[in-house]
Amino acid sequence: MFPEGRLFDFLIVGAVALIVVGPKDLPLLMRKVGQFTARLRGMAAEFRASFDELARQSELDELRREVSALRAARPADFAAQHLGAGDLIADINSDLAQTNATLNAPAAPVADSLPATEAHPAPEAADPKIDAPKAAAPKAAAK
């Protein structure tokens, strides 16, 4: 009940108050001290509530900005603003524009774009290892 075992300190303060104020006025003094403490607690609670309200209001303002950015269909710009990656987004947009231009360009025929050696490859030469058993088979039969 008492913080850190300070009961002895409270007893000393109570004894001094009893001697200074007197037994007749001590209940009235304790009531006034209780009312003052209640007012202080009420003011602290009100301050805390107003501080929490300001924090919630700032969070709501930030959420409103996010929603308006999403409604404007520019979430990449909003993300770049918050991440500080404006250059990165610009690079990505330019790469996408280049890719789009490349894909939309008229396509050249494939045969014309390849070199002559790659367009019609020459037939491969026969492998001597594969032909060797065929040649060896008649020699063995001749013996």
N, C-alpha and C. Protein backbone atom coordinates (compact mmCIF):
# COMPACT_ATOMS: atom_id res chain seq x y z
N MET A 1 0.82 -1.18 0.00
CA MET A 1 0.00 0.00 0.00
C MET A 1 0.87 1.26 0.00
N PHE A 2 1.88 1.28 0.83
CA PHE A 2 2.78 2.43 0.88
C PHE A 2 3.97 2.16 -0.02
N PRO A 3 4.41 3.18 -0.77
CA PRO A 3 5.52 2.97 -1.70
C PRO A 3 6.84 2.69 -0.98
N GLU A 4 7.47 1.61 -1.37
CA GLU A 4 8.79 1.23 -0.91
C GLU A 4 8.93 1.20 0.60
N GLY A 5 7.90 0.83 1.33
CA GLY A 5 7.97 0.69 2.78
C GLY A 5 8.16 2.00 3.51
N ARG A 6 7.54 3.05 3.09
CA ARG A 6 7.69 4.38 3.69
C ARG A 6 6.63 4.64 4.76
N LEU A 7 6.17 3.63 5.42
CA LEU A 7 5.15 3.78 6.46
C LEU A 7 5.67 4.66 7.59
N PHE A 8 6.93 4.48 7.94
CA PHE A 8 7.52 5.27 9.03
C PHE A 8 7.51 6.76 8.68
N ASP A 9 7.79 7.11 7.43
CA ASP A 9 7.77 8.52 7.01
C ASP A 9 6.37 9.11 7.15
N PHE A 10 5.34 8.33 6.75
CA PHE A 10 3.97 8.81 6.88
C PHE A 10 3.58 9.00 8.34
N LEU A 11 4.05 8.12 9.21
CA LEU A 11 3.74 8.26 10.64
C LEU A 11 4.37 9.53 11.22
N ILE A 12 5.59 9.86 10.81
CA ILE A 12 6.24 11.08 11.29
C ILE A 12 5.49 12.31 10.81
N VAL A 13 5.08 12.34 9.54
CA VAL A 13 4.33 13.48 9.00
C VAL A 13 3.00 13.60 9.72
N GLY A 14 2.33 12.49 9.99
CA GLY A 14 1.06 12.52 10.71
C GLY A 14 1.22 13.05 12.13
N ALA A 15 2.28 12.64 12.83
CA ALA A 15 2.51 13.11 14.19
C ALA A 15 2.80 14.61 14.21
N VAL A 16 3.60 15.10 13.26
CA VAL A 16 3.90 16.53 13.20
C VAL A 16 2.63 17.31 12.89
N ALA A 17 1.80 16.81 11.96
CA ALA A 17 0.54 17.48 11.63
C ALA A 17 -0.39 17.51 12.83
N LEU A 18 -0.45 16.44 13.60
CA LEU A 18 -1.29 16.39 14.79
C LEU A 18 -0.83 17.41 15.82
N ILE A 19 0.48 17.57 15.96
CA ILE A 19 1.01 18.53 16.93
C ILE A 19 0.81 19.96 16.43
N VAL A 20 1.08 20.26 15.16
CA VAL A 20 1.00 21.62 14.63
C VAL A 20 -0.45 22.06 14.47
N VAL A 21 -1.29 21.24 13.85
CA VAL A 21 -2.67 21.63 13.56
C VAL A 21 -3.56 21.41 14.78
N GLY A 22 -3.35 20.33 15.43
CA GLY A 22 -4.17 20.02 16.60
C GLY A 22 -5.20 18.97 16.24
N PRO A 23 -5.67 18.23 17.27
CA PRO A 23 -6.61 17.15 17.00
C PRO A 23 -7.98 17.62 16.52
N LYS A 24 -8.35 18.87 16.86
CA LYS A 24 -9.67 19.37 16.49
C LYS A 24 -9.75 19.69 14.98
N ASP A 25 -8.72 20.27 14.41
CA ASP A 25 -8.73 20.70 13.00
C ASP A 25 -8.08 19.69 12.05
N LEU A 26 -7.54 18.60 12.57
CA LEU A 26 -6.85 17.61 11.71
C LEU A 26 -7.80 16.95 10.70
N PRO A 27 -9.03 16.55 11.07
CA PRO A 27 -9.93 15.96 10.06
C PRO A 27 -10.26 16.94 8.92
N LEU A 28 -10.45 18.22 9.27
CA LEU A 28 -10.74 19.23 8.25
C LEU A 28 -9.54 19.38 7.31
N LEU A 29 -8.33 19.40 7.86
CA LEU A 29 -7.12 19.51 7.03
C LEU A 29 -6.97 18.29 6.12
N MET A 30 -7.22 17.11 6.64
CA MET A 30 -7.10 15.89 5.83
C MET A 30 -8.14 15.89 4.69
N ARG A 31 -9.33 16.39 4.95
CA ARG A 31 -10.36 16.48 3.91
C ARG A 31 -9.91 17.44 2.81
N LYS A 32 -9.35 18.59 3.18
CA LYS A 32 -8.87 19.56 2.20
C LYS A 32 -7.72 18.98 1.38
N VAL A 33 -6.81 18.27 2.04
CA VAL A 33 -5.70 17.64 1.32
C VAL A 33 -6.24 16.59 0.34
N GLY A 34 -7.23 15.82 0.73
CA GLY A 34 -7.84 14.82 -0.15
C GLY A 34 -8.51 15.46 -1.35
N GLN A 35 -9.23 16.58 -1.13
CA GLN A 35 -9.89 17.28 -2.24
C GLN A 35 -8.84 17.86 -3.21
N PHE A 36 -7.76 18.42 -2.64
CA PHE A 36 -6.70 18.96 -3.49
C PHE A 36 -6.05 17.85 -4.33
N THR A 37 -5.82 16.69 -3.71
CA THR A 37 -5.24 15.55 -4.43
C THR A 37 -6.18 15.08 -5.54
N ALA A 38 -7.48 15.07 -5.26
CA ALA A 38 -8.45 14.66 -6.28
C ALA A 38 -8.44 15.63 -7.45
N ARG A 39 -8.34 16.94 -7.17
CA ARG A 39 -8.28 17.93 -8.24
C ARG A 39 -7.02 17.73 -9.09
N LEU A 40 -5.89 17.49 -8.42
CA LEU A 40 -4.65 17.26 -9.17
C LEU A 40 -4.76 16.02 -10.07
N ARG A 41 -5.33 14.96 -9.55
CA ARG A 41 -5.50 13.75 -10.36
C ARG A 41 -6.44 14.01 -11.53
N GLY A 42 -7.51 14.76 -11.31
CA GLY A 42 -8.44 15.09 -12.38
C GLY A 42 -7.77 15.92 -13.48
N MET A 43 -6.95 16.89 -13.09
CA MET A 43 -6.24 17.71 -14.07
C MET A 43 -5.24 16.87 -14.85
N ALA A 44 -4.57 15.95 -14.15
CA ALA A 44 -3.61 15.07 -14.85
C ALA A 44 -4.34 14.17 -15.85
N ALA A 45 -5.49 13.65 -15.45
CA ALA A 45 -6.27 12.79 -16.36
C ALA A 45 -6.76 13.59 -17.57
N GLU A 46 -7.18 14.84 -17.34
CA GLU A 46 -7.65 15.68 -18.44
C GLU A 46 -6.51 16.00 -19.40
N PHE A 47 -5.32 16.30 -18.85
CA PHE A 47 -4.16 16.57 -19.69
C PHE A 47 -3.80 15.35 -20.51
N ARG A 48 -3.81 14.18 -19.88
CA ARG A 48 -3.49 12.94 -20.59
C ARG A 48 -4.50 12.68 -21.70
N ALA A 49 -5.79 12.91 -21.40
CA ALA A 49 -6.84 12.68 -22.40
C ALA A 49 -6.69 13.65 -23.58
N SER A 50 -6.36 14.92 -23.31
CA SER A 50 -6.19 15.88 -24.41
C SER A 50 -4.96 15.54 -25.24
N PHE A 51 -3.91 15.07 -24.57
CA PHE A 51 -2.71 14.66 -25.30
C PHE A 51 -3.00 13.45 -26.19
N ASP A 52 -3.75 12.48 -25.66
CA ASP A 52 -4.12 11.31 -26.47
C ASP A 52 -5.02 11.71 -27.63
N GLU A 53 -5.90 12.68 -27.41
CA GLU A 53 -6.78 13.15 -28.48
C GLU A 53 -5.97 13.81 -29.61
N LEU A 54 -4.96 14.59 -29.23
CA LEU A 54 -4.10 15.20 -30.25
C LEU A 54 -3.34 14.14 -31.03
N ALA A 55 -2.88 13.11 -30.34
CA ALA A 55 -2.16 12.03 -31.04
C ALA A 55 -3.09 11.32 -32.01
N ARG A 56 -4.31 11.03 -31.56
CA ARG A 56 -5.28 10.37 -32.46
C ARG A 56 -5.62 11.26 -33.64
N GLN A 57 -5.75 12.57 -33.39
CA GLN A 57 -6.08 13.50 -34.48
C GLN A 57 -4.97 13.53 -35.52
N SER A 58 -3.72 13.53 -35.07
CA SER A 58 -2.61 13.55 -36.04
C SER A 58 -2.57 12.24 -36.82
N GLU A 59 -2.87 11.12 -36.17
CA GLU A 59 -2.94 9.84 -36.88
C GLU A 59 -4.06 9.84 -37.90
N LEU A 60 -5.21 10.43 -37.54
CA LEU A 60 -6.33 10.51 -38.48
C LEU A 60 -5.98 11.38 -39.68
N ASP A 61 -5.27 12.49 -39.44
CA ASP A 61 -4.86 13.34 -40.57
C ASP A 61 -3.94 12.57 -41.51
N GLU A 62 -3.03 11.80 -40.94
CA GLU A 62 -2.12 11.02 -41.79
C GLU A 62 -2.90 9.96 -42.57
N LEU A 63 -3.86 9.30 -41.92
CA LEU A 63 -4.67 8.30 -42.62
C LEU A 63 -5.50 8.95 -43.73
N ARG A 64 -6.02 10.15 -43.49
CA ARG A 64 -6.79 10.85 -44.53
C ARG A 64 -5.91 11.14 -45.74
N ARG A 65 -4.65 11.55 -45.48
CA ARG A 65 -3.75 11.81 -46.60
C ARG A 65 -3.47 10.53 -47.38
N GLU A 66 -3.29 9.42 -46.68
CA GLU A 66 -3.05 8.14 -47.35
C GLU A 66 -4.24 7.73 -48.20
N VAL A 67 -5.44 7.89 -47.66
CA VAL A 67 -6.64 7.51 -48.40
C VAL A 67 -6.81 8.39 -49.63
N SER A 68 -6.56 9.68 -49.49
CA SER A 68 -6.70 10.57 -50.65
C SER A 68 -5.67 10.23 -51.72
N ALA A 69 -4.46 9.83 -51.30
CA ALA A 69 -3.45 9.43 -52.29
C ALA A 69 -3.85 8.15 -52.99
N LEU A 70 -4.44 7.22 -52.26
CA LEU A 70 -4.87 5.97 -52.88
C LEU A 70 -6.06 6.20 -53.81
N ARG A 71 -6.93 7.13 -53.43
CA ARG A 71 -8.06 7.44 -54.30
C ARG A 71 -7.59 8.10 -55.60
N ALA A 72 -6.52 8.83 -55.53
CA ALA A 72 -5.98 9.48 -56.73
C ALA A 72 -5.23 8.49 -57.61
N ALA A 73 -5.17 7.22 -57.19
CA ALA A 73 -4.55 6.12 -57.95
C ALA A 73 -3.06 6.38 -58.19
N ARG A 74 -2.41 6.93 -57.21
CA ARG A 74 -0.98 7.15 -57.30
C ARG A 74 -0.30 6.62 -56.03
N PRO A 75 -0.49 5.34 -55.72
CA PRO A 75 0.13 4.79 -54.50
C PRO A 75 1.65 4.73 -54.60
N ALA A 76 2.20 4.61 -55.80
CA ALA A 76 3.66 4.56 -55.94
C ALA A 76 4.28 5.89 -55.54
N ASP A 77 3.64 6.99 -55.93
CA ASP A 77 4.16 8.30 -55.56
C ASP A 77 4.07 8.50 -54.05
N PHE A 78 2.98 8.04 -53.46
CA PHE A 78 2.81 8.16 -52.01
C PHE A 78 3.85 7.33 -51.28
N ALA A 79 4.10 6.12 -51.75
CA ALA A 79 5.11 5.27 -51.13
C ALA A 79 6.49 5.87 -51.29
N ALA A 80 6.77 6.44 -52.44
CA ALA A 80 8.08 7.05 -52.67
C ALA A 80 8.28 8.25 -51.75
N GLN A 81 7.23 8.99 -51.50
CA GLN A 81 7.33 10.14 -50.62
C GLN A 81 7.67 9.70 -49.20
N HIS A 82 7.03 8.65 -48.73
CA HIS A 82 7.26 8.19 -47.37
C HIS A 82 8.56 7.41 -47.23
N LEU A 83 9.00 6.76 -48.29
CA LEU A 83 10.23 5.99 -48.22
C LEU A 83 11.44 6.81 -48.62
N GLY A 84 11.21 7.96 -49.20
CA GLY A 84 12.33 8.78 -49.66
C GLY A 84 13.02 8.17 -50.87
N ALA A 85 12.27 7.43 -51.67
CA ALA A 85 12.85 6.72 -52.82
C ALA A 85 12.32 7.30 -54.12
N GLY A 86 12.31 8.62 -54.25
CA GLY A 86 11.80 9.25 -55.46
C GLY A 86 12.61 8.89 -56.67
N ASP A 87 13.94 8.82 -56.54
CA ASP A 87 14.81 8.47 -57.67
C ASP A 87 14.58 7.04 -58.10
N LEU A 88 14.37 6.16 -57.16
CA LEU A 88 14.13 4.76 -57.46
C LEU A 88 12.85 4.60 -58.27
N ILE A 89 11.80 5.26 -57.86
CA ILE A 89 10.52 5.18 -58.58
C ILE A 89 10.67 5.78 -59.98
N ALA A 90 11.41 6.89 -60.10
CA ALA A 90 11.62 7.50 -61.42
C ALA A 90 12.39 6.54 -62.33
N ASP A 91 13.40 5.85 -61.79
CA ASP A 91 14.15 4.88 -62.58
C ASP A 91 13.26 3.73 -63.04
N ILE A 92 12.42 3.25 -62.16
CA ILE A 92 11.51 2.15 -62.51
C ILE A 92 10.54 2.60 -63.59
N ASN A 93 10.00 3.81 -63.45
CA ASN A 93 9.07 4.32 -64.46
C ASN A 93 9.75 4.48 -65.81
N SER A 94 11.00 4.96 -65.84
CA SER A 94 11.69 5.11 -67.12
C SER A 94 11.99 3.75 -67.74
N ASP A 95 12.38 2.76 -66.93
CA ASP A 95 12.62 1.41 -67.46
C ASP A 95 11.33 0.81 -68.02
N LEU A 96 10.23 1.02 -67.32
CA LEU A 96 8.94 0.51 -67.84
C LEU A 96 8.57 1.20 -69.15
N ALA A 97 8.83 2.50 -69.27
CA ALA A 97 8.51 3.21 -70.51
C ALA A 97 9.37 2.69 -71.66
N GLN A 98 10.66 2.41 -71.39
CA GLN A 98 11.52 1.86 -72.43
C GLN A 98 11.06 0.48 -72.86
N THR A 99 10.69 -0.36 -71.90
CA THR A 99 10.21 -1.70 -72.21
C THR A 99 8.91 -1.64 -73.01
N ASN A 100 8.04 -0.73 -72.63
CA ASN A 100 6.78 -0.56 -73.36
C ASN A 100 7.05 -0.12 -74.79
N ALA A 101 7.98 0.81 -74.98
CA ALA A 101 8.31 1.26 -76.33
C ALA A 101 8.92 0.13 -77.15
N THR A 102 9.74 -0.70 -76.52
CA THR A 102 10.35 -1.82 -77.23
C THR A 102 9.29 -2.84 -77.64
N LEU A 103 8.36 -3.11 -76.75
CA LEU A 103 7.32 -4.09 -77.07
C LEU A 103 6.35 -3.59 -78.12
N ASN A 104 6.10 -2.30 -78.15
CA ASN A 104 5.16 -1.75 -79.11
C ASN A 104 5.80 -1.42 -80.45
N ALA A 105 7.12 -1.53 -80.58
CA ALA A 105 7.81 -1.27 -81.84
C ALA A 105 7.48 -2.40 -82.83
N PRO A 106 7.44 -2.09 -84.14
CA PRO A 106 7.15 -3.15 -85.12
C PRO A 106 8.26 -4.20 -85.10
N ALA A 107 7.87 -5.44 -85.12
CA ALA A 107 8.83 -6.55 -85.03
C ALA A 107 9.40 -6.85 -86.41
N ALA A 108 10.72 -7.08 -86.47
CA ALA A 108 11.40 -7.45 -87.71
C ALA A 108 11.28 -8.96 -87.87
N PRO A 109 11.27 -9.47 -89.11
CA PRO A 109 11.21 -10.93 -89.29
C PRO A 109 12.42 -11.58 -88.63
N VAL A 110 12.21 -12.74 -88.06
CA VAL A 110 13.25 -13.42 -87.30
C VAL A 110 14.37 -13.89 -88.23
N ALA A 111 14.06 -14.44 -89.41
CA ALA A 111 15.08 -14.97 -90.31
C ALA A 111 16.00 -13.86 -90.80
N ASP A 112 15.47 -12.67 -91.01
CA ASP A 112 16.29 -11.57 -91.49
C ASP A 112 17.22 -11.05 -90.40
N SER A 113 16.82 -11.19 -89.15
CA SER A 113 17.62 -10.62 -88.08
C SER A 113 18.76 -11.53 -87.67
N LEU A 114 18.72 -12.82 -88.02
CA LEU A 114 19.78 -13.75 -87.65
C LEU A 114 20.86 -13.78 -88.72
N PRO A 115 22.12 -14.01 -88.33
CA PRO A 115 23.18 -14.18 -89.34
C PRO A 115 22.90 -15.43 -90.17
N ALA A 116 23.53 -15.51 -91.35
CA ALA A 116 23.27 -16.61 -92.28
C ALA A 116 23.66 -17.95 -91.69
N THR A 117 24.71 -18.02 -90.90
CA THR A 117 25.14 -19.30 -90.34
C THR A 117 24.18 -19.78 -89.27
N GLU A 118 23.51 -18.86 -88.59
CA GLU A 118 22.59 -19.27 -87.54
C GLU A 118 21.19 -19.51 -88.08
N ALA A 119 20.86 -18.90 -89.23
CA ALA A 119 19.52 -19.07 -89.78
C ALA A 119 19.31 -20.50 -90.24
N HIS A 120 20.32 -21.09 -90.91
CA HIS A 120 20.23 -22.47 -91.38
C HIS A 120 21.51 -23.18 -90.96
N PRO A 121 21.53 -23.80 -89.85
CA PRO A 121 22.77 -24.43 -89.39
C PRO A 121 23.15 -25.61 -90.29
N ALA A 122 24.45 -25.81 -90.42
CA ALA A 122 24.96 -26.90 -91.26
C ALA A 122 24.73 -28.22 -90.53
N PRO A 123 24.53 -29.32 -91.29
CA PRO A 123 24.35 -30.61 -90.62
C PRO A 123 25.64 -31.02 -89.92
N GLU A 124 25.47 -31.67 -88.81
CA GLU A 124 26.64 -32.05 -88.02
C GLU A 124 27.35 -33.23 -88.67
N ALA A 125 28.67 -33.27 -88.50
CA ALA A 125 29.47 -34.36 -89.06
C ALA A 125 29.21 -35.63 -88.26
N ALA A 126 29.39 -36.75 -88.90
CA ALA A 126 29.16 -38.03 -88.23
C ALA A 126 30.22 -38.25 -87.16
N ASP A 127 29.82 -38.82 -86.06
CA ASP A 127 30.73 -39.06 -84.95
C ASP A 127 31.48 -40.36 -85.21
N PRO A 128 32.81 -40.36 -85.21
CA PRO A 128 33.56 -41.58 -85.52
C PRO A 128 33.36 -42.67 -84.49
N LYS A 129 33.07 -42.34 -83.26
CA LYS A 129 32.86 -43.36 -82.23
C LYS A 129 31.60 -44.16 -82.49
N ILE A 130 30.62 -43.51 -83.04
CA ILE A 130 29.36 -44.21 -83.33
C ILE A 130 29.53 -45.12 -84.54
N ASP A 131 30.26 -44.66 -85.56
CA ASP A 131 30.46 -45.46 -86.77
C ASP A 131 31.47 -46.58 -86.58
N ALA A 132 32.35 -46.52 -85.61
CA ALA A 132 33.41 -47.52 -85.41
C ALA A 132 32.86 -48.92 -85.15
N PRO A 133 31.88 -49.18 -84.34
CA PRO A 133 31.40 -50.55 -84.13
C PRO A 133 30.80 -51.17 -85.39
N LYS A 134 30.21 -50.35 -86.21
CA LYS A 134 29.64 -50.88 -87.45
C LYS A 134 30.76 -51.39 -88.36
N ALA A 135 31.85 -50.65 -88.40
CA ALA A 135 32.96 -51.08 -89.24
C ALA A 135 33.66 -52.30 -88.65
N ALA A 136 33.69 -52.40 -87.33
CA ALA A 136 34.37 -53.52 -86.67
C ALA A 136 33.56 -54.80 -86.80
N ALA A 137 32.29 -54.72 -86.92
CA ALA A 137 31.45 -55.90 -86.98
C ALA A 137 31.74 -56.74 -88.26
N PRO A 138 31.92 -56.18 -89.44
CA PRO A 138 32.21 -57.01 -90.60
C PRO A 138 33.59 -57.66 -90.52
N LYS A 139 34.55 -57.02 -89.91
CA LYS A 139 35.88 -57.64 -89.78
C LYS A 139 35.82 -58.86 -88.91
N ALA A 140 35.06 -58.79 -87.86
CA ALA A 140 34.94 -59.94 -86.96
C ALA A 140 34.21 -61.08 -87.66
N ALA A 141 33.26 -60.77 -88.49
CA ALA A 141 32.52 -61.81 -89.21
C ALA A 141 33.39 -62.45 -90.28
N ALA A 142 34.34 -61.69 -90.83
CA ALA A 142 35.21 -62.22 -91.88
C ALA A 142 36.19 -63.22 -91.32
N LYS A 143 36.54 -63.19 -90.11
CA LYS A 143 37.52 -64.13 -89.55
C LYS A 143 36.90 -65.41 -89.30
